[in-house]
């Protein structure tokens, strides 16, 4: 599998912006202002779900999860199956940060 550099650049930017403390809405606004098209190629503001979806995708670390068709929900994770765009460390930090922000919103 070959990395599409223009798409990889956007993924990296989303992760780095989030790590720098930007909210999902801030990231949506910045992508729009920079003229970065949505994942389906439209020149409009990214949806919250699209940005959040990028931040939740473990595949950007190079790991791929394959679901078995055994009717019991088995999954196999293939580590380093594809070229990584972000580090595992960055991915885990973003996951923890997202969880903290979600918990903080729920407590309000």
C-alpha atoms as a PDB file:
ATOM      1  CA  UNK A   1       0.000   0.000   0.000  1.00  0.00           C
ATOM      2  CA  UNK A   2       1.326   3.397  -0.968  1.00  0.00           C
ATOM      3  CA  UNK A   3       0.764   6.535   1.089  1.00  0.00           C
ATOM      4  CA  UNK A   4      -0.964   9.413  -0.695  1.00  0.00           C
ATOM      5  CA  UNK A   5       1.258  12.264   0.499  1.00  0.00           C
ATOM      6  CA  UNK A   6      -1.387  14.994   0.167  1.00  0.00           C
ATOM      7  CA  UNK A   7      -3.832  12.978   2.294  1.00  0.00           C
ATOM      8  CA  UNK A   8      -1.117  12.001   4.777  1.00  0.00           C
ATOM      9  CA  UNK A   9      -0.270  15.679   5.219  1.00  0.00           C
ATOM     10  CA  UNK A  10      -3.885  16.437   6.189  1.00  0.00           C
ATOM     11  CA  UNK A  11      -3.994  13.509   8.640  1.00  0.00           C
ATOM     12  CA  UNK A  12      -0.757  14.687  10.285  1.00  0.00           C
ATOM     13  CA  UNK A  13      -2.061  18.239  10.493  1.00  0.00           C
ATOM     14  CA  UNK A  14      -5.302  17.116  12.163  1.00  0.00           C
ATOM     15  CA  UNK A  15      -3.406  15.110  14.784  1.00  0.00           C
ATOM     16  CA  UNK A  16      -0.891  17.881  15.443  1.00  0.00           C
ATOM     17  CA  UNK A  17      -3.580  20.552  15.747  1.00  0.00           C
ATOM     18  CA  UNK A  18      -5.468  18.421  18.243  1.00  0.00           C
ATOM     19  CA  UNK A  19      -2.273  17.743  20.214  1.00  0.00           C
ATOM     20  CA  UNK A  20      -1.644  21.511  20.272  1.00  0.00           C
ATOM     21  CA  UNK A  21      -4.977  21.991  22.052  1.00  0.00           C
ATOM     22  CA  UNK A  22      -7.269  22.850  19.146  1.00  0.00           C
ATOM     23  CA  UNK A  23     -10.859  21.639  19.400  1.00  0.00           C
ATOM     24  CA  UNK A  24     -12.513  19.608  16.665  1.00  0.00           C
ATOM     25  CA  UNK A  25     -14.441  22.735  15.661  1.00  0.00           C
ATOM     26  CA  UNK A  26     -11.207  24.783  15.541  1.00  0.00           C
ATOM     27  CA  UNK A  27      -9.665  22.123  13.294  1.00  0.00           C
ATOM     28  CA  UNK A  28     -12.723  22.140  10.999  1.00  0.00           C
ATOM     29  CA  UNK A  29     -12.447  25.908  10.658  1.00  0.00           C
ATOM     30  CA  UNK A  30      -8.706  25.830   9.969  1.00  0.00           C
ATOM     31  CA  UNK A  31      -9.015  23.133   7.302  1.00  0.00           C
ATOM     32  CA  UNK A  32     -11.742  25.150   5.600  1.00  0.00           C
ATOM     33  CA  UNK A  33      -9.701  28.361   5.754  1.00  0.00           C
ATOM     34  CA  UNK A  34      -6.703  26.539   4.266  1.00  0.00           C
ATOM     35  CA  UNK A  35      -8.868  25.280   1.400  1.00  0.00           C
ATOM     36  CA  UNK A  36      -8.415  21.633   2.335  1.00  0.00           C
ATOM     37  CA  UNK A  37     -11.211  19.632   0.763  1.00  0.00           C
ATOM     38  CA  UNK A  38     -13.376  17.228   2.736  1.00  0.00           C
ATOM     39  CA  UNK A  39     -12.581  13.499   2.480  1.00  0.00           C
ATOM     40  CA  UNK A  40     -15.108  13.184  -0.364  1.00  0.00           C
ATOM     41  CA  UNK A  41     -13.472  16.051  -2.263  1.00  0.00           C
ATOM     42  CA  UNK A  42     -15.944  18.850  -1.577  1.00  0.00           C
ATOM     43  CA  UNK A  43     -14.828  22.417  -0.880  1.00  0.00           C
ATOM     44  CA  UNK A  44     -16.875  22.891   2.263  1.00  0.00           C
ATOM     45  CA  UNK A  45     -16.310  22.693   5.987  1.00  0.00           C
ATOM     46  CA  UNK A  46     -15.431  19.239   7.281  1.00  0.00           C
ATOM     47  CA  UNK A  47     -18.051  17.632   9.506  1.00  0.00           C
ATOM     48  CA  UNK A  48     -17.294  17.047  13.181  1.00  0.00           C
ATOM     49  CA  UNK A  49     -17.659  13.321  12.491  1.00  0.00           C
ATOM     50  CA  UNK A  50     -15.045  13.390   9.730  1.00  0.00           C
ATOM     51  CA  UNK A  51     -12.441  15.106  11.925  1.00  0.00           C
ATOM     52  CA  UNK A  52     -13.251  12.889  14.900  1.00  0.00           C
ATOM     53  CA  UNK A  53     -13.148   9.843  12.632  1.00  0.00           C
ATOM     54  CA  UNK A  54      -9.610  10.699  11.525  1.00  0.00           C
ATOM     55  CA  UNK A  55      -8.549  11.081  15.162  1.00  0.00           C
ATOM     56  CA  UNK A  56      -9.976   7.652  16.039  1.00  0.00           C
ATOM     57  CA  UNK A  57      -8.407   5.748  13.110  1.00  0.00           C
ATOM     58  CA  UNK A  58      -5.729   3.437  14.463  1.00  0.00           C
ATOM     59  CA  UNK A  59      -4.792   2.487  10.921  1.00  0.00           C
ATOM     60  CA  UNK A  60      -2.785   5.715  10.640  1.00  0.00           C
ATOM     61  CA  UNK A  61      -0.227   4.092  12.991  1.00  0.00           C
ATOM     62  CA  UNK A  62       0.255   1.289  10.464  1.00  0.00           C
ATOM     63  CA  UNK A  63      -1.924  -1.240  12.299  1.00  0.00           C
ATOM     64  CA  UNK A  64      -4.890  -2.863  10.594  1.00  0.00           C
ATOM     65  CA  UNK A  65      -7.798  -4.579  12.363  1.00  0.00           C
ATOM     66  CA  UNK A  66      -9.498  -7.380  10.467  1.00  0.00           C
ATOM     67  CA  UNK A  67     -12.825  -8.751  11.635  1.00  0.00           C
ATOM     68  CA  UNK A  68     -13.310 -12.479  11.233  1.00  0.00           C
ATOM     69  CA  UNK A  69     -16.499 -13.862   9.764  1.00  0.00           C
ATOM     70  CA  UNK A  70     -16.978 -16.360  12.590  1.00  0.00           C
ATOM     71  CA  UNK A  71     -20.156 -14.806  14.050  1.00  0.00           C
ATOM     72  CA  UNK A  72     -18.511 -14.275  17.458  1.00  0.00           C
ATOM     73  CA  UNK A  73     -16.905 -10.931  16.743  1.00  0.00           C
ATOM     74  CA  UNK A  74     -13.309 -12.092  16.559  1.00  0.00           C
ATOM     75  CA  UNK A  75     -10.749  -9.575  15.375  1.00  0.00           C
ATOM     76  CA  UNK A  76      -7.121  -9.810  14.372  1.00  0.00           C
ATOM     77  CA  UNK A  77      -4.805  -6.808  14.588  1.00  0.00           C
ATOM     78  CA  UNK A  78      -1.955  -6.802  12.122  1.00  0.00           C
ATOM     79  CA  UNK A  79       0.749  -4.470  13.420  1.00  0.00           C
ATOM     80  CA  UNK A  80       2.818  -2.474  10.947  1.00  0.00           C
ATOM     81  CA  UNK A  81       0.730  -3.902   8.099  1.00  0.00           C
ATOM     82  CA  UNK A  82       0.753  -0.609   6.211  1.00  0.00           C
ATOM     83  CA  UNK A  83       3.077   2.415   6.281  1.00  0.00           C
ATOM     84  CA  UNK A  84       2.480   4.568   9.368  1.00  0.00           C
ATOM     85  CA  UNK A  85       1.499   8.213   9.011  1.00  0.00           C
ATOM     86  CA  UNK A  86       1.592   9.022  12.716  1.00  0.00           C
ATOM     87  CA  UNK A  87       3.362   7.378  15.631  1.00  0.00           C
ATOM     88  CA  UNK A  88       1.635   5.038  18.047  1.00  0.00           C
ATOM     89  CA  UNK A  89       2.635   7.444  20.831  1.00  0.00           C
ATOM     90  CA  UNK A  90       0.897  10.399  19.147  1.00  0.00           C
ATOM     91  CA  UNK A  91      -2.192   8.294  18.476  1.00  0.00           C
ATOM     92  CA  UNK A  92      -2.425   7.159  22.119  1.00  0.00           C
ATOM     93  CA  UNK A  93      -1.928  10.705  23.433  1.00  0.00           C
ATOM     94  CA  UNK A  94      -4.746  11.953  21.215  1.00  0.00           C
ATOM     95  CA  UNK A  95      -7.034   9.127  22.384  1.00  0.00           C
ATOM     96  CA  UNK A  96      -6.393  10.007  26.043  1.00  0.00           C
ATOM     97  CA  UNK A  97      -6.912  13.709  25.362  1.00  0.00           C
ATOM     98  CA  UNK A  98     -10.192  13.023  23.548  1.00  0.00           C
ATOM     99  CA  UNK A  99     -11.382  10.829  26.413  1.00  0.00           C
ATOM    100  CA  UNK A 100     -10.574  13.541  28.973  1.00  0.00           C
ATOM    101  CA  UNK A 101     -12.387  16.194  26.961  1.00  0.00           C
ATOM    102  CA  UNK A 102     -15.422  13.914  26.573  1.00  0.00           C
ATOM    103  CA  UNK A 103     -15.511  13.156  30.304  1.00  0.00           C
ATOM    104  CA  UNK A 104     -15.214  16.857  31.123  1.00  0.00           C
ATOM    105  CA  UNK A 105     -18.217  17.652  28.880  1.00  0.00           C
ATOM    106  CA  UNK A 106     -20.305  14.904  30.488  1.00  0.00           C
ATOM    107  CA  UNK A 107     -19.608  16.211  34.013  1.00  0.00           C
ATOM    108  CA  UNK A 108     -20.884  19.713  33.202  1.00  0.00           C
END
